[in-house]
Protein backbone atom coordinates (compact mmCIF):
# COMPACT_ATOMS: atom_id res chain seq x y z
CA UNK A 1 218.64 -33.24 48.00
CA UNK A 2 220.84 -33.58 51.07
CA UNK A 3 218.44 -36.06 52.67
CA UNK A 4 218.22 -38.12 49.49
CA UNK A 5 221.99 -38.22 49.08
CA UNK A 6 223.04 -38.94 52.68
CA UNK A 7 220.16 -41.08 53.92
CA UNK A 8 217.47 -43.53 52.92
CA UNK A 9 214.77 -41.52 54.62
CA UNK A 10 211.65 -40.90 52.53
CA UNK A 11 211.54 -37.33 51.19
CA UNK A 12 208.06 -35.86 50.61
CA UNK A 13 207.23 -33.99 47.40
CA UNK A 14 210.43 -35.15 45.74
CA UNK A 15 208.59 -35.78 42.48
CA UNK A 16 206.81 -32.43 42.43
CA UNK A 17 209.68 -29.99 42.95
CA UNK A 18 212.68 -28.95 40.92
CA UNK A 19 215.61 -29.75 43.23
CA UNK A 20 218.82 -27.71 43.12
CA UNK A 21 222.13 -29.32 42.14
CA UNK A 22 223.63 -31.39 44.93
CA UNK A 23 226.68 -29.12 45.25
CA UNK A 24 224.35 -26.21 46.00
CA UNK A 25 222.57 -28.26 48.68
CA UNK A 26 225.66 -29.28 50.61
CA UNK A 27 225.25 -26.54 53.21
CA UNK A 28 222.39 -28.74 54.49
CA UNK A 29 224.69 -31.72 55.12
CA UNK A 30 225.19 -30.79 58.80
CA UNK A 31 221.43 -30.40 59.26
CA UNK A 32 220.89 -33.91 57.90
CA UNK A 33 223.72 -35.08 60.16
CA UNK A 34 222.02 -33.51 63.16
CA UNK A 35 218.79 -35.37 62.33
CA UNK A 36 220.62 -38.69 62.01
CA UNK A 37 222.60 -38.02 65.18
CA UNK A 38 219.50 -37.02 67.16
CA UNK A 39 217.74 -40.25 66.19
CA UNK A 40 220.83 -42.28 67.07
CA UNK A 41 221.12 -40.43 70.39
CA UNK A 42 217.47 -41.14 71.15
CA UNK A 43 218.05 -44.84 70.40
CA UNK A 44 221.03 -44.76 72.77
CA UNK A 45 218.91 -43.25 75.54
CA UNK A 46 216.02 -45.68 75.03
CA UNK A 47 218.35 -48.68 75.14
CA UNK A 48 219.83 -47.36 78.38
CA UNK A 49 216.36 -46.90 79.87
CA UNK A 50 215.80 -50.59 79.17
CA UNK A 51 218.87 -51.19 81.39
CA UNK A 52 220.85 -52.87 78.65
CA UNK A 53 224.68 -53.00 78.88
CA UNK A 54 226.45 -49.81 77.85
CA UNK A 55 228.29 -51.40 74.93
CA UNK A 56 225.05 -52.85 73.59
CA UNK A 57 223.41 -49.43 73.89
CA UNK A 58 226.18 -47.92 71.80
CA UNK A 59 225.98 -50.67 69.19
CA UNK A 60 222.20 -50.30 69.03
CA UNK A 61 222.52 -46.56 68.38
CA UNK A 62 225.05 -47.19 65.60
CA UNK A 63 222.80 -49.84 64.07
CA UNK A 64 219.89 -47.38 63.93
CA UNK A 65 222.12 -44.73 62.35
CA UNK A 66 223.38 -47.25 59.78
CA UNK A 67 219.80 -48.17 58.89
CA UNK A 68 219.01 -44.51 58.27
CA UNK A 69 222.10 -43.85 56.14
CA UNK A 70 222.33 -47.25 54.50
CA UNK A 71 225.80 -47.60 56.10
CA UNK A 72 226.87 -44.99 53.53
CA UNK A 73 229.90 -43.74 55.43
CA UNK A 74 230.92 -47.12 56.83
CA UNK A 75 231.04 -48.50 53.30
CA UNK A 76 233.39 -45.70 52.31
CA UNK A 77 235.64 -46.32 55.30
CA UNK A 78 235.91 -50.03 54.49
CA UNK A 79 236.73 -49.31 50.84
CA UNK A 80 239.41 -46.81 51.80
CA UNK A 81 240.99 -49.25 54.26
CA UNK A 82 241.05 -52.02 51.65
CA UNK A 83 242.37 -49.76 48.91
CA UNK A 84 245.02 -47.95 50.90
CA UNK A 85 246.09 -51.10 52.72
CA UNK A 86 246.03 -53.54 49.81
CA UNK A 87 247.15 -51.54 46.77
CA UNK A 88 250.73 -50.82 45.81
CA UNK A 89 250.04 -48.12 43.20
CA UNK A 90 247.50 -45.33 42.82
CA UNK A 91 245.68 -47.26 40.10
CA UNK A 92 245.54 -50.45 42.15
CA UNK A 93 244.18 -48.60 45.17
CA UNK A 94 241.44 -46.91 43.15
CA UNK A 95 240.50 -50.23 41.54
CA UNK A 96 240.26 -51.97 44.92
CA UNK A 97 238.12 -49.13 46.25
CA UNK A 98 235.65 -49.67 43.40
CA UNK A 99 235.27 -53.36 44.31
CA UNK A 100 232.05 -53.99 46.26
CA UNK A 101 233.63 -56.89 48.13
CA UNK A 102 235.24 -56.26 51.51
CA UNK A 103 238.71 -57.47 52.43
CA UNK A 104 240.71 -58.02 55.60
CA UNK A 105 241.74 -54.36 55.99
CA UNK A 106 238.17 -53.13 55.58
CA UNK A 107 236.74 -55.74 57.92
CA UNK A 108 239.26 -55.05 60.66
CA UNK A 109 238.84 -51.29 60.33
CA UNK A 110 235.06 -51.55 60.61
CA UNK A 111 235.27 -53.79 63.67
CA UNK A 112 237.68 -51.45 65.44
CA UNK A 113 235.84 -48.22 64.62
CA UNK A 114 232.39 -49.61 65.41
CA UNK A 115 233.52 -50.94 68.78
CA UNK A 116 235.36 -47.69 69.49
CA UNK A 117 232.34 -45.52 68.69
CA UNK A 118 229.98 -47.82 70.60
CA UNK A 119 232.15 -47.67 73.72
CA UNK A 120 232.46 -43.88 73.44
CA UNK A 121 228.70 -43.54 73.11
CA UNK A 122 228.28 -45.78 76.14
CA UNK A 123 230.54 -43.46 78.13
CA UNK A 124 228.04 -40.63 77.60
CA UNK A 125 225.23 -42.49 79.37
CA UNK A 126 226.07 -40.86 82.73
CA UNK A 127 224.64 -37.63 81.30
CA UNK A 128 221.01 -36.59 81.12
CA UNK A 129 219.06 -37.84 78.07
CA UNK A 130 218.77 -34.42 76.45
CA UNK A 131 222.48 -33.78 76.87
CA UNK A 132 223.34 -37.14 75.27
CA UNK A 133 221.17 -36.44 72.24
CA UNK A 134 222.64 -32.96 71.87
CA UNK A 135 226.23 -34.24 71.89
CA UNK A 136 225.60 -37.10 69.46
CA UNK A 137 223.69 -34.81 67.10
CA UNK A 138 226.46 -32.20 67.24
CA UNK A 139 229.20 -34.68 66.38
CA UNK A 140 227.13 -36.08 63.51
CA UNK A 141 226.44 -32.57 62.20
CA UNK A 142 229.98 -31.18 62.26
CA UNK A 143 231.55 -34.34 60.85
CA UNK A 144 229.26 -34.05 57.82
CA UNK A 145 230.06 -30.36 57.47
CA UNK A 146 233.72 -31.38 57.25
CA UNK A 147 232.83 -33.57 54.27
CA UNK A 148 231.79 -30.40 52.44
CA UNK A 149 235.12 -28.81 53.30
CA UNK A 150 236.93 -31.87 51.95
CA UNK A 151 235.00 -31.69 48.68
CA UNK A 152 235.76 -27.98 48.33
CA UNK A 153 239.45 -28.06 49.25
CA UNK A 154 240.56 -31.29 47.57
CA UNK A 155 240.52 -32.25 43.91
CA UNK A 156 238.75 -35.47 42.86
CA UNK A 157 240.97 -38.49 42.42
CA UNK A 158 238.70 -39.78 39.64
CA UNK A 159 237.05 -37.91 36.80
CA UNK A 160 233.92 -40.07 36.94
CA UNK A 161 233.57 -40.91 40.64
CA UNK A 162 230.70 -40.11 42.98
CA UNK A 163 232.37 -37.01 44.42
CA UNK A 164 233.19 -35.72 40.93
CA UNK A 165 229.58 -36.16 39.83
CA UNK A 166 228.34 -34.45 43.00
CA UNK A 167 230.32 -31.35 42.05
CA UNK A 168 232.51 -28.96 43.98
CA UNK A 169 230.73 -26.74 46.51
CA UNK A 170 231.49 -23.05 46.48
CA UNK A 171 233.48 -21.33 49.20
CA UNK A 172 230.32 -19.71 50.59
CA UNK A 173 228.48 -23.06 50.66
CA UNK A 174 231.41 -24.61 52.49
CA UNK A 175 231.64 -21.81 55.05
CA UNK A 176 227.89 -21.99 55.66
CA UNK A 177 228.08 -25.77 56.18
CA UNK A 178 230.98 -25.39 58.62
CA UNK A 179 229.15 -22.60 60.41
CA UNK A 180 225.97 -24.63 60.84
CA UNK A 181 227.83 -27.78 61.88
CA UNK A 182 230.15 -25.87 64.18
CA UNK A 183 227.18 -24.16 65.83
CA UNK A 184 225.47 -27.50 66.49
CA UNK A 185 228.59 -29.12 67.93
CA UNK A 186 230.25 -26.14 69.58
CA UNK A 187 227.19 -24.87 71.39
CA UNK A 188 226.09 -28.37 72.32
CA UNK A 189 229.49 -29.32 73.72
CA UNK A 190 229.82 -26.03 75.58
CA UNK A 191 226.36 -26.23 77.15
CA UNK A 192 226.55 -29.88 78.15
CA UNK A 193 230.22 -30.01 79.15
CA UNK A 194 232.52 -26.95 79.06
CA UNK A 195 233.39 -24.34 76.42
CA UNK A 196 236.89 -25.84 76.27
CA UNK A 197 235.45 -29.29 75.52
CA UNK A 198 233.22 -27.86 72.81
CA UNK A 199 236.13 -26.14 71.08
CA UNK A 200 238.47 -29.11 71.52
CA UNK A 201 235.90 -31.42 69.92
CA UNK A 202 235.76 -29.18 66.84
CA UNK A 203 239.55 -29.13 66.65
CA UNK A 204 239.75 -32.92 67.05
CA UNK A 205 237.22 -33.44 64.27
CA UNK A 206 239.11 -31.09 61.97
CA UNK A 207 242.44 -32.77 62.70
CA UNK A 208 240.98 -36.22 62.03
CA UNK A 209 239.65 -35.08 58.68
CA UNK A 210 242.99 -33.44 57.86
CA UNK A 211 244.76 -36.73 58.53
CA UNK A 212 242.38 -38.60 56.23
CA UNK A 213 242.85 -35.94 53.55
CA UNK A 214 246.63 -36.07 53.85
CA UNK A 215 246.63 -39.85 53.54
CA UNK A 216 244.32 -39.68 50.53
CA UNK A 217 246.54 -37.15 48.78
CA UNK A 218 249.54 -39.40 49.37
CA UNK A 219 247.85 -42.63 48.30
CA UNK A 220 245.56 -41.60 45.42
CA UNK A 221 246.23 -37.91 44.81
CA UNK A 222 242.80 -36.61 45.77
CA UNK A 223 239.42 -37.37 47.28
CA UNK A 224 236.61 -39.75 46.37
CA UNK A 225 233.19 -40.44 47.83
CA UNK A 226 234.78 -43.23 49.85
CA UNK A 227 237.38 -40.84 51.27
CA UNK A 228 234.59 -38.46 52.29
CA UNK A 229 232.83 -41.29 54.10
CA UNK A 230 236.02 -42.30 55.86
CA UNK A 231 236.65 -38.70 56.86
CA UNK A 232 233.18 -38.40 58.36
CA UNK A 233 233.57 -41.55 60.45
CA UNK A 234 237.02 -40.58 61.74
CA UNK A 235 235.99 -36.99 62.52
CA UNK A 236 232.89 -38.13 64.39
CA UNK A 237 234.92 -40.69 66.34
CA UNK A 238 237.48 -38.07 67.33
CA UNK A 239 234.74 -35.74 68.56
CA UNK A 240 233.04 -38.49 70.56
CA UNK A 241 236.43 -39.32 72.13
CA UNK A 242 236.76 -35.72 73.33
CA UNK A 243 233.24 -35.75 74.74
CA UNK A 244 233.84 -39.06 76.52
CA UNK A 245 237.12 -37.82 77.99
CA UNK A 246 235.49 -34.60 79.15
CA UNK A 247 232.73 -36.61 80.86
CA UNK A 248 235.32 -38.81 82.60
CA UNK A 249 237.21 -35.78 83.95
CA UNK A 250 234.15 -33.88 85.17
């Protein structure tokens, strides 16, 4: 269920099993994130082995990740930027966020965040291939675990939106997701860099998500699927920034 929801990867036996409700499957979000991140990290390493420019390597890794997820989270980020930037009232913002077309705020936000993440990924290329994959997978895992926390701790802004239909995870599901994601990212960051860098990356990801949540509460009074996507992108970017800074100061 987590793979089907978060990615476009083919899922075997999907027609022959009775899947659990999505809200009960959300503890697997960080595992799916780790898979996506590991593939993106591998793409980053392979592009570097081909001696391509660092920025291109980062963009190539992001392109592979977007193909796997169907640009699920990027779409949410663009919608949030358009809605929050272009609407004057809660109703206007929610209506803009439902529009499939992209505006100036969404376009600019995507350009900035994609270039930022690509450059941060490029900064990791001084590390060994296994270390790079571990860091990218960890950031992807914990940022998706934070999505579960957002769904648990924040009421839906719409009664019929994607997040409302997905359901609210339980406290135990949320803690399990955070534990799995935190283990991926914390251990990975500590082994590759330093324990301080591993912890700081978790804190940075949590603060980024908290900022997105606070803005969403102010602008639309709750969360939506788009807000979750925006939170994932911003949390992952914050974690990659910590990793890149730690590499620079080694």
